[in-house]
Amino acid sequence: MKLRRRQFLKGGAQTAAAWCLLPTLGATVNAAEPPEQPGAEVYVPTWYPFTGHPDADTCWSLSVGPDGRIYAAACAEGVPGGVVKLVRYNEKNDALDYLFSLDEMVDDPADSGRATQCKIHYSFAPSVADGILFMATHLSGPPIDQPAYSPWLSWHDPKRCFRGSALLAFDTKTDRVLWWKTLIPKEGCRCLLHDEERHRLYALSYPRDHFIIFDTKTRTRRDVGRIGSINAQTLFLDRKHRVWTTDDYGHLVRYDPEKDRLERSPFVLPHNPEFQTGWHSVFYDVAPSPDGECVYAVTWIANSRLMRIWPNDGEWPRVEDLGPTTQKRDPTLSKDTFVDHCGGLVFGGDGQLYYVASRWRDPVYQPMPANGPDREGVVWRLDPVTLERQQVAILQHPKDPAQYVSRGAVDHHGDLFFGSVGVKPVGIFKVQVPAHRRKVNAHLPLRMWG
């Protein structure tokens, strides 16, 4: 179903705050009331529901594959016996293809009586050299005869316990699963990263929050240790092959393969200083700059903060605070954290950073028109040079606001795609960008983490 076009809006600007005594030039935007921009460019969103998997209730993973095509996880985690299906956008038919049901590929059927292979959670990781797309599963889907699943309650129950995160190697050239293996026994994989040069996959486990290394040559795994209790939602890689994430209290954590150990930064990441301490400021989404010198990251979940991190500068990275991604709200009133969210970070073929952030009507600050919806998902474009942010589109779900986007990707033509989490039907958005912002092989260089 084609959605109506939205005009490009330009937000007001203010100076971005510095962090860790670092000067930052640029502008942040008041996401509440962006004024109209004359001569606007047109970005066209289109909604694609998971009609081929009616049980699907979330889309946690969306990524471009090594073939330049878009892959998504149609997850069914709230349905007893629910399973995840791998979906690919078919650009010739302008539709979704359902490639396989994952439980069938790993011999862990939905009616086994165990917790199910219900979702892929930020765990697509491409392999450029051989065209493989790695993927790993997460837990939460209840057994077929139970209403819910608790990994703690069922940890020692051999009949009910989740068998473990299944790691698959999918050949995008032949559409075949080449092999699979249990990556993390009893636990789910929260996020996955591929260091192709060193033939390693890195993962964070849930619920124990352990840092896992998997050798793709020998197909062996190693548990390096526990990070904390609150899982970060992503890992990222720097030029020195160090792997980065965050701990419970908003500190950077890195694994250095030369030292073979986990290290913790003494600095707390940017957060709202009015009523936050850095606790729970774990990474939600991280996108690498096209030149690979820095990354752009947002925190999870409420009062999300955007930052730019230079991992190769100094003993510990230079971190720039680019400010909040959502508008100011009254902290004395309760707010569903599901509404206050930012995700879907991706660089387009035009070299600009795109992401989706929530916007809602606050009883005090009233950031939306009186006749507008209660909340909406806004697609923003950020210029890495000036740090100016501009609204380019609104995502519209046929039944409910689409303010919660899990992941974003750009295909080989340069169009944007976003995974949506909300009410059924769930699915993905395609955002067709203006012609002059398209680029052949816009997906390169590939993002190597989910």
Protein backbone atom coordinates (compact mmCIF):
# COMPACT_ATOMS: atom_id res chain seq x y z
CA MET A 1 0.00 0.00 0.00
CA LYS A 2 1.46 3.34 -1.04
CA LEU A 3 1.41 6.04 1.59
CA ARG A 4 0.90 9.65 0.79
CA ARG A 5 3.92 11.86 0.38
CA ARG A 6 5.23 14.08 3.10
CA GLN A 7 7.15 17.25 2.53
CA PHE A 8 10.66 17.87 3.73
CA LEU A 9 10.85 20.04 6.82
CA LYS A 10 13.75 21.91 8.29
CA GLY A 11 14.25 22.27 12.01
CA GLY A 12 15.57 25.15 14.04
CA ALA A 13 19.16 24.96 15.22
CA GLN A 14 21.08 25.38 18.41
CA THR A 15 24.66 24.70 19.39
CA ALA A 16 25.35 21.04 20.26
CA ALA A 17 26.78 20.45 23.71
CA ALA A 18 30.31 19.14 24.09
CA TRP A 19 31.11 16.03 26.07
CA CYS A 20 34.24 15.01 27.97
CA LEU A 21 35.62 18.54 27.46
CA LEU A 22 35.55 18.17 23.68
CA PRO A 23 34.51 21.10 21.48
CA THR A 24 31.73 20.20 19.04
CA LEU A 25 30.62 22.50 16.26
CA GLY A 26 27.22 22.04 14.71
CA ALA A 27 23.54 22.18 15.34
CA THR A 28 20.86 20.12 16.97
CA VAL A 29 17.21 20.53 16.22
CA ASN A 30 14.10 21.10 18.24
CA ALA A 31 12.15 18.09 17.03
CA ALA A 32 8.91 19.54 18.30
CA GLU A 33 7.88 22.14 15.74
CA PRO A 34 10.04 22.23 12.59
CA PRO A 35 9.03 25.08 10.27
CA GLU A 36 8.11 24.43 6.64
CA GLN A 37 10.93 24.40 4.09
CA PRO A 38 10.04 25.89 0.69
CA GLY A 39 11.11 23.94 -2.40
CA ALA A 40 11.09 20.72 -0.41
CA GLU A 41 12.56 17.43 -1.59
CA VAL A 42 10.18 14.49 -1.57
CA TYR A 43 10.86 11.23 0.25
CA VAL A 44 8.19 8.57 -0.41
CA PRO A 45 7.50 5.98 2.33
CA THR A 46 5.84 2.66 1.44
CA TRP A 47 4.60 0.09 3.94
CA TYR A 48 5.15 -3.67 3.47
CA PRO A 49 3.34 -5.82 6.08
CA PHE A 50 4.41 -9.39 6.83
CA THR A 51 1.30 -10.91 5.27
CA GLY A 52 3.20 -14.12 4.51
CA HIS A 53 3.71 -14.70 8.25
CA PRO A 54 0.48 -13.63 10.02
CA ASP A 55 1.85 -14.59 13.45
CA ALA A 56 4.68 -12.05 13.15
CA ASP A 57 4.44 -9.45 15.90
CA THR A 58 7.87 -7.72 15.73
CA CYS A 59 10.64 -6.94 13.28
CA TRP A 60 13.82 -6.63 15.30
CA SER A 61 16.38 -7.13 12.57
CA LEU A 62 16.73 -5.54 9.17
CA SER A 63 19.96 -5.40 7.20
CA VAL A 64 21.42 -5.16 3.73
CA GLY A 65 23.05 -8.39 2.64
CA PRO A 66 26.35 -8.83 0.81
CA ASP A 67 24.27 -8.95 -2.38
CA GLY A 68 22.95 -5.41 -1.82
CA ARG A 69 19.41 -6.63 -1.11
CA ILE A 70 17.37 -6.03 2.03
CA TYR A 71 16.75 -8.81 4.54
CA ALA A 72 14.39 -8.68 7.52
CA ALA A 73 13.34 -10.94 10.39
CA ALA A 74 9.60 -11.56 10.68
CA CYS A 75 9.56 -12.48 14.37
CA ALA A 76 6.74 -14.13 16.34
CA GLU A 77 7.74 -13.86 19.99
CA GLY A 78 4.37 -13.31 21.65
CA VAL A 79 2.67 -16.38 20.19
CA PRO A 80 3.03 -19.82 21.80
CA GLY A 81 5.10 -21.87 19.39
CA GLY A 82 5.96 -18.77 17.35
CA VAL A 83 8.96 -18.83 15.01
CA VAL A 84 10.95 -16.34 12.95
CA LYS A 85 10.95 -16.33 9.15
CA LEU A 86 13.61 -14.79 6.94
CA VAL A 87 12.19 -12.19 4.56
CA ARG A 88 13.80 -10.44 1.59
CA TYR A 89 12.59 -7.44 -0.35
CA ASN A 90 12.04 -8.31 -4.02
CA GLU A 91 12.77 -5.16 -5.98
CA LYS A 92 11.50 -6.61 -9.28
CA ASN A 93 8.07 -7.42 -7.87
CA ASP A 94 8.09 -4.64 -5.25
CA ALA A 95 7.07 -7.23 -2.67
CA LEU A 96 8.41 -9.41 0.13
CA ASP A 97 9.71 -12.96 -0.40
CA TYR A 98 9.59 -15.44 2.49
CA LEU A 99 12.73 -17.54 2.22
CA PHE A 100 12.36 -20.03 5.06
CA SER A 101 11.10 -20.68 8.57
CA LEU A 102 14.16 -20.81 10.76
CA ASP A 103 13.01 -23.60 13.09
CA GLU A 104 12.92 -25.97 10.12
CA MET A 105 16.50 -25.09 9.15
CA VAL A 106 17.95 -25.89 12.59
CA ASP A 107 15.87 -28.93 13.54
CA ASP A 108 14.15 -27.17 16.44
CA PRO A 109 10.43 -27.41 15.56
CA ALA A 110 7.85 -25.01 16.89
CA ASP A 111 5.90 -27.81 18.59
CA SER A 112 8.90 -29.29 20.45
CA GLY A 113 7.60 -28.15 23.84
CA ARG A 114 10.69 -25.96 24.33
CA ALA A 115 10.98 -22.20 24.05
CA THR A 116 11.08 -21.46 20.34
CA GLN A 117 13.41 -20.01 17.73
CA CYS A 118 11.15 -16.97 17.65
CA LYS A 119 13.31 -14.06 16.55
CA ILE A 120 16.55 -12.68 15.15
CA HIS A 121 17.48 -9.74 17.32
CA TYR A 122 20.02 -7.28 15.83
CA SER A 123 21.94 -10.32 14.63
CA PHE A 124 22.44 -10.13 10.87
CA ALA A 125 26.14 -9.98 9.95
CA PRO A 126 27.35 -10.12 6.32
CA SER A 127 30.44 -11.77 4.83
CA VAL A 128 31.59 -9.85 1.77
CA ALA A 129 34.11 -12.36 0.40
CA ASP A 130 31.74 -15.30 -0.01
CA GLY A 131 28.28 -13.70 -0.10
CA ILE A 132 27.15 -15.25 3.19
CA LEU A 133 24.75 -13.57 5.57
CA PHE A 134 25.24 -14.83 9.12
CA MET A 135 22.28 -14.68 11.48
CA ALA A 136 21.71 -15.75 15.08
CA THR A 137 18.48 -16.26 17.00
CA HIS A 138 17.24 -14.86 20.29
CA LEU A 139 14.76 -16.15 22.88
CA SER A 140 11.46 -15.05 24.43
CA GLY A 141 8.89 -17.07 22.46
CA PRO A 142 6.97 -19.45 24.76
CA PRO A 143 6.55 -23.19 24.16
CA ILE A 144 3.54 -24.12 22.08
CA ASP A 145 1.50 -25.07 25.16
CA GLN A 146 2.50 -22.22 27.50
CA PRO A 147 1.44 -18.54 27.56
CA ALA A 148 4.91 -17.13 28.34
CA TYR A 149 8.54 -18.12 28.76
CA SER A 150 11.03 -17.23 31.50
CA PRO A 151 14.66 -18.21 30.84
CA TRP A 152 15.37 -18.06 34.59
CA LEU A 153 12.46 -20.29 35.60
CA SER A 154 13.22 -22.88 32.92
CA TRP A 155 17.03 -22.77 33.05
CA HIS A 156 17.36 -26.29 34.50
CA ASP A 157 14.31 -27.76 32.77
CA PRO A 158 15.52 -29.91 29.85
CA LYS A 159 12.02 -30.13 28.37
CA ARG A 160 11.21 -26.40 28.46
CA CYS A 161 14.54 -24.60 28.36
CA PHE A 162 15.50 -22.76 25.18
CA ARG A 163 17.92 -25.02 23.31
CA GLY A 164 20.15 -22.07 22.53
CA SER A 165 20.85 -19.39 19.97
CA ALA A 166 21.13 -20.95 16.52
CA LEU A 167 23.79 -19.51 14.21
CA LEU A 168 23.16 -19.92 10.47
CA ALA A 169 25.30 -19.26 7.41
CA PHE A 170 22.95 -18.32 4.54
CA ASP A 171 24.40 -18.16 1.02
CA THR A 172 22.77 -15.17 -0.68
CA LYS A 173 24.00 -16.36 -4.11
CA THR A 174 22.24 -19.74 -3.99
CA ASP A 175 19.57 -19.09 -1.33
CA ARG A 176 20.77 -22.08 0.71
CA VAL A 177 21.60 -22.50 4.38
CA LEU A 178 25.15 -23.85 4.21
CA TRP A 179 25.45 -24.82 7.87
CA TRP A 180 24.15 -24.06 11.32
CA LYS A 181 25.39 -24.53 14.87
CA THR A 182 24.23 -23.72 18.39
CA LEU A 183 26.04 -20.48 19.19
CA ILE A 184 25.10 -20.00 22.88
CA PRO A 185 23.50 -22.90 24.79
CA LYS A 186 20.34 -21.98 26.74
CA GLU A 187 20.72 -18.27 25.88
CA GLY A 188 19.70 -15.93 23.11
CA CYS A 189 21.94 -13.75 20.99
CA ARG A 190 21.21 -10.09 21.65
CA CYS A 191 23.47 -8.78 18.87
CA LEU A 192 26.07 -10.05 16.40
CA LEU A 193 29.17 -8.62 14.69
CA HIS A 194 31.48 -10.04 12.00
CA ASP A 195 35.20 -9.33 11.79
CA GLU A 196 35.73 -10.78 8.34
CA GLU A 197 39.51 -10.33 8.25
CA ARG A 198 39.98 -12.36 11.44
CA HIS A 199 37.18 -14.85 10.71
CA ARG A 200 35.39 -14.06 13.95
CA LEU A 201 31.83 -13.47 15.01
CA TYR A 202 31.22 -11.59 18.27
CA ALA A 203 27.98 -11.76 20.24
CA LEU A 204 26.34 -10.71 23.49
CA SER A 205 24.25 -13.33 25.26
CA TYR A 206 20.94 -12.90 27.03
CA PRO A 207 20.06 -13.14 29.89
CA ARG A 208 23.58 -13.48 31.33
CA ASP A 209 25.16 -10.70 29.23
CA HIS A 210 28.32 -12.61 28.34
CA PHE A 211 30.74 -11.67 25.56
CA ILE A 212 31.08 -14.52 23.07
CA ILE A 213 33.66 -15.13 20.32
CA PHE A 214 32.95 -17.61 17.50
CA ASP A 215 35.63 -18.69 15.02
CA THR A 216 34.01 -19.18 11.59
CA LYS A 217 36.91 -21.32 10.33
CA THR A 218 36.93 -23.86 13.15
CA ARG A 219 33.29 -23.24 14.16
CA THR A 220 34.23 -23.11 17.80
CA ARG A 221 33.08 -20.67 20.47
CA ARG A 222 34.67 -19.07 23.49
CA ASP A 223 33.03 -17.23 26.39
CA VAL A 224 35.25 -14.30 27.41
CA GLY A 225 33.19 -13.21 30.41
CA ARG A 226 30.27 -11.21 31.71
CA ILE A 227 29.77 -7.50 31.08
CA GLY A 228 26.81 -6.74 33.34
CA SER A 229 23.07 -7.22 33.69
CA ILE A 230 21.64 -4.80 31.15
CA ASN A 231 22.42 -5.89 27.63
CA ALA A 232 23.63 -3.38 25.10
CA GLN A 233 21.75 -3.77 21.82
CA THR A 234 24.75 -3.57 19.52
CA LEU A 235 28.48 -4.09 19.11
CA PHE A 236 30.76 -2.18 16.74
CA LEU A 237 34.23 -2.69 15.28
CA ASP A 238 37.09 -0.22 14.81
CA ARG A 239 40.07 -0.20 12.42
CA LYS A 240 42.26 -1.95 15.00
CA HIS A 241 39.81 -4.88 15.14
CA ARG A 242 38.73 -3.92 18.64
CA VAL A 243 35.10 -4.61 19.49
CA TRP A 244 33.10 -2.00 21.43
CA THR A 245 29.92 -2.02 23.45
CA THR A 246 28.61 -0.57 26.75
CA ASP A 247 27.96 -1.74 30.29
CA ASP A 248 25.07 -1.15 32.70
CA TYR A 249 26.27 2.29 33.79
CA GLY A 250 26.97 3.89 30.45
CA HIS A 251 30.68 3.19 30.18
CA LEU A 252 32.32 2.04 26.96
CA VAL A 253 33.57 -1.53 27.07
CA ARG A 254 36.00 -2.88 24.50
CA TYR A 255 37.54 -6.22 23.65
CA ASP A 256 41.10 -5.92 22.34
CA PRO A 257 42.12 -9.12 20.48
CA GLU A 258 45.79 -8.30 20.94
CA LYS A 259 45.37 -8.28 24.72
CA ASP A 260 42.55 -10.84 24.70
CA ARG A 261 40.63 -9.10 27.44
CA LEU A 262 37.69 -6.81 28.13
CA GLU A 263 38.44 -3.24 29.23
CA ARG A 264 36.17 -0.53 30.66
CA SER A 265 36.39 3.18 29.96
CA PRO A 266 36.52 5.54 32.98
CA PHE A 267 34.11 7.95 31.25
CA VAL A 268 30.31 7.88 31.28
CA LEU A 269 28.61 8.36 27.93
CA PRO A 270 26.40 11.41 27.24
CA HIS A 271 23.00 11.38 28.92
CA ASN A 272 20.32 13.77 30.12
CA PRO A 273 21.96 15.51 33.12
CA GLU A 274 18.63 16.71 34.54
CA PHE A 275 17.43 13.35 35.80
CA GLN A 276 19.80 10.66 34.50
CA THR A 277 23.11 9.35 35.84
CA GLY A 278 24.23 7.24 32.88
CA TRP A 279 22.67 4.06 34.26
CA HIS A 280 21.01 2.11 31.45
CA SER A 281 22.74 4.32 28.85
CA VAL A 282 23.60 1.28 26.79
CA PHE A 283 23.94 1.43 23.01
CA TYR A 284 20.77 0.83 21.05
CA ASP A 285 22.02 1.40 17.51
CA VAL A 286 25.39 2.31 15.97
CA ALA A 287 26.14 3.26 12.35
CA PRO A 288 29.68 3.59 10.94
CA SER A 289 30.64 6.65 8.91
CA PRO A 290 31.41 5.80 5.26
CA ASP A 291 35.13 6.43 5.79
CA GLY A 292 35.22 4.16 8.84
CA GLU A 293 36.85 6.76 11.06
CA CYS A 294 33.96 7.26 13.47
CA VAL A 295 30.55 5.89 14.41
CA TYR A 296 27.23 7.50 15.29
CA ALA A 297 25.38 5.93 18.20
CA VAL A 298 22.12 6.33 20.11
CA THR A 299 21.29 5.08 23.58
CA TRP A 300 18.40 2.92 24.71
CA ILE A 301 15.59 3.66 25.43
CA ALA A 302 13.95 6.76 26.90
CA ASN A 303 15.68 10.14 26.50
CA SER A 304 17.81 8.72 23.72
CA ARG A 305 21.06 10.59 23.11
CA LEU A 306 22.93 10.88 19.81
CA MET A 307 26.72 10.87 19.89
CA ARG A 308 29.69 10.63 17.56
CA ILE A 309 32.56 8.42 18.67
CA TRP A 310 36.13 8.41 17.33
CA PRO A 311 37.53 5.06 18.55
CA ASN A 312 41.02 5.55 17.12
CA ASP A 313 41.68 8.90 18.84
CA GLY A 314 43.73 8.48 22.00
CA GLU A 315 43.76 5.79 24.65
CA TRP A 316 39.98 6.06 24.94
CA PRO A 317 37.70 7.39 22.18
CA ARG A 318 36.83 11.00 21.64
CA VAL A 319 33.09 11.25 22.23
CA GLU A 320 30.95 14.13 20.96
CA ASP A 321 27.54 14.74 22.47
CA LEU A 322 25.16 15.62 19.62
CA GLY A 323 22.21 16.08 21.93
CA PRO A 324 18.82 14.42 22.41
CA THR A 325 17.01 12.75 19.53
CA THR A 326 13.51 13.35 20.91
CA GLN A 327 11.89 16.44 22.35
CA LYS A 328 11.93 17.68 25.90
CA ARG A 329 9.11 16.39 28.07
CA ASP A 330 7.77 16.85 31.58
CA PRO A 331 9.77 14.41 33.75
CA THR A 332 7.21 14.55 36.57
CA LEU A 333 4.68 12.71 34.41
CA SER A 334 5.03 9.04 33.56
CA LYS A 335 5.78 8.17 29.95
CA ASP A 336 5.82 4.81 28.22
CA THR A 337 9.43 4.21 27.24
CA PHE A 338 8.18 2.52 24.09
CA VAL A 339 7.04 5.94 22.87
CA ASP A 340 10.32 7.76 23.59
CA HIS A 341 12.67 6.03 21.16
CA CYS A 342 15.27 6.43 18.42
CA GLY A 343 16.66 3.79 16.05
CA GLY A 344 17.29 2.89 12.43
CA LEU A 345 20.63 4.68 12.04
CA VAL A 346 21.96 4.34 8.49
CA PHE A 347 24.11 6.32 6.07
CA GLY A 348 22.53 6.97 2.69
CA GLY A 349 24.22 7.11 -0.68
CA ASP A 350 24.36 10.90 -0.26
CA GLY A 351 26.71 10.56 2.71
CA GLN A 352 24.06 11.77 5.16
CA LEU A 353 23.00 9.99 8.35
CA TYR A 354 19.33 8.98 8.56
CA TYR A 355 17.44 7.79 11.62
CA VAL A 356 13.89 7.54 12.99
CA ALA A 357 12.89 9.22 16.26
CA SER A 358 9.62 9.40 18.16
CA ARG A 359 7.62 12.58 18.41
CA TRP A 360 4.57 12.93 20.64
CA ARG A 361 2.22 15.46 22.18
CA ASP A 362 3.38 16.39 25.66
CA PRO A 363 0.83 17.92 28.07
CA VAL A 364 3.31 20.67 29.01
CA TYR A 365 5.41 21.34 25.92
CA GLN A 366 2.85 20.43 23.21
CA PRO A 367 5.32 19.73 20.39
CA MET A 368 2.67 18.65 17.86
CA PRO A 369 -0.28 20.45 16.30
CA ALA A 370 -3.54 20.15 18.24
CA ASN A 371 -5.15 18.22 15.38
CA GLY A 372 -2.17 15.87 14.91
CA PRO A 373 -1.72 12.29 16.13
CA ASP A 374 -0.65 11.42 19.66
CA ARG A 375 2.75 10.26 18.38
CA GLU A 376 4.60 9.61 15.14
CA GLY A 377 7.86 8.29 13.75
CA VAL A 378 9.94 11.01 12.12
CA VAL A 379 12.69 10.25 9.61
CA TRP A 380 15.55 12.69 10.16
CA ARG A 381 18.55 13.49 7.99
CA LEU A 382 21.75 14.70 9.66
CA ASP A 383 24.61 16.38 7.83
CA PRO A 384 27.88 15.02 9.29
CA VAL A 385 29.71 18.25 8.44
CA THR A 386 27.34 20.88 9.81
CA LEU A 387 25.39 18.55 12.15
CA GLU A 388 22.19 20.19 10.95
CA ARG A 389 19.15 17.93 11.23
CA GLN A 390 16.19 18.07 8.89
CA GLN A 391 12.94 16.14 8.91
CA VAL A 392 12.36 14.32 5.62
CA ALA A 393 9.38 11.99 6.16
CA ILE A 394 6.79 10.61 8.56
CA LEU A 395 6.31 6.85 8.78
CA GLN A 396 2.64 5.83 8.86
CA HIS A 397 1.41 2.40 9.87
CA PRO A 398 -2.14 1.62 8.65
CA LYS A 399 -3.40 1.00 12.21
CA ASP A 400 -1.07 2.71 14.63
CA PRO A 401 1.73 5.29 14.80
CA ALA A 402 5.11 3.95 13.66
CA GLN A 403 7.34 5.63 16.20
CA TYR A 404 9.41 2.55 17.09
CA VAL A 405 11.97 1.57 14.45
CA SER A 406 14.44 -1.19 15.27
CA ARG A 407 16.99 -1.01 12.47
CA GLY A 408 17.62 0.81 9.20
CA ALA A 409 19.50 -0.11 6.02
CA VAL A 410 20.16 1.22 2.52
CA ASP A 411 19.99 -1.04 -0.53
CA HIS A 412 22.30 -1.02 -3.55
CA HIS A 413 20.12 1.61 -5.26
CA GLY A 414 20.25 4.01 -2.32
CA ASP A 415 16.70 3.68 -0.99
CA LEU A 416 16.17 3.49 2.77
CA PHE A 417 14.49 0.64 4.66
CA PHE A 418 13.35 0.51 8.28
CA GLY A 419 12.12 -2.35 10.48
CA SER A 420 8.97 -1.54 12.44
CA VAL A 421 7.88 -2.75 15.87
CA GLY A 422 4.32 -2.12 17.04
CA VAL A 423 0.84 -3.52 16.58
CA LYS A 424 -0.01 -6.15 13.98
CA PRO A 425 0.47 -6.24 11.14
CA VAL A 426 4.19 -5.59 11.59
CA GLY A 427 6.52 -5.22 8.64
CA ILE A 428 9.04 -2.89 7.05
CA PHE A 429 9.08 0.55 5.46
CA LYS A 430 10.82 1.49 2.26
CA VAL A 431 11.59 5.19 1.86
CA GLN A 432 12.35 6.15 -1.72
CA VAL A 433 14.86 9.00 -1.67
CA PRO A 434 15.05 11.86 -4.20
CA ALA A 435 16.84 10.89 -7.42
CA HIS A 436 19.89 13.05 -6.82
CA ARG A 437 20.45 11.34 -3.47
CA ARG A 438 20.51 7.85 -4.96
CA LYS A 439 23.77 6.13 -5.76
CA VAL A 440 24.85 2.87 -7.36
CA ASN A 441 26.14 0.46 -4.69
CA ALA A 442 25.03 2.86 -1.97
CA HIS A 443 25.16 -0.04 0.50
CA LEU A 444 28.97 -0.14 0.35
CA PRO A 445 30.92 -0.29 2.58
CA LEU A 446 28.74 -2.84 4.37
CA ARG A 447 27.81 -2.46 7.99
CA MET A 448 29.26 -5.56 9.64
CA TRP A 449 27.01 -5.72 12.67
CA GLY A 450 23.31 -6.05 13.38
